[in-house]
């Protein structure tokens, strides 16, 4: 049979390694011993490759056995192939032993990135130091879209409802931010009517739909004067007296000045979950990360 470019060249590793050893030992028996095979297995693997391409790879009439020119060409490539296969095996073994891999994590903003993810990532990295973790932060709907489009393996988001696997991390709530000098700052709770006729700083960080729904409960709309993404910026604007605001409690830094944090009435609580699509994980590392989450105790 003559080998042609239209054929698939598919040499076995046994044949390639046998030819490498044969070049060194000059003996089928010593090659078999070196590879831990029978002599017939060595001869058969080389003969099968020779038949597939229509060429001879060693001279059978010489002692010790010598490779033909074509055989030496095979061995020159076999060395690189063998190195590549060994490297591949080592990489896969690292994945198997949890010594490699990556997890892509979506986060819906300050609530997750500031209060939830640091403890989760720190504990996981201590247990699996060789698994790389990366965070992609988006507004709530952006984080959910990234999860749907498989751009992240898991996402820390508001409860997405049916269609996803989810683990509750914490229950968060919306709270009002009022300047300390404002007359509302002494209120025990804040209602939609109390804010409806005052300048309002609207959060674009992900709580927007929930905020509008809260106002709508009493049939009023906020008097939006500013629209801002970052909680720090919202706090600065509220402190400066540019309006009141509503944000999630977990997005607020530990130390703030000049701003009162007041509960809402009616309360607006929501679950923050870590979610994934109900499919086979993209990688073993992603599955390990998911299984690790229930070990934490983050719920409020």
Foldseek 3Di string as FASTA:
>chain_A
DADDPVDDQDQDLLQLQLLLVCQVPLDLCVSCVVVVHDSVVNVVSVVVNCVNHVHAQWDPPDVSIHGDPVVVVSNVVSVVVVVVVVVVVVVVVCQVVLQAEEFEEEELDLLCVPANPVVLVVVVCVVRVNYYYYYDYHHQVVSVVCQVVVVGAKYWHFPPDPQWDKDFQAKWWKWKKAFCPDPCLPPQAAALVNQAVWEEEEEPSHCRVVVQVRNPVVPGGGNYDHYDHAPVVVLVCNLVPVGMYMDIPSSDDPDDPRIHIHAYVVIGMTTTIMIHGPDDGPGVVSVVSVVCVVVDRRYD
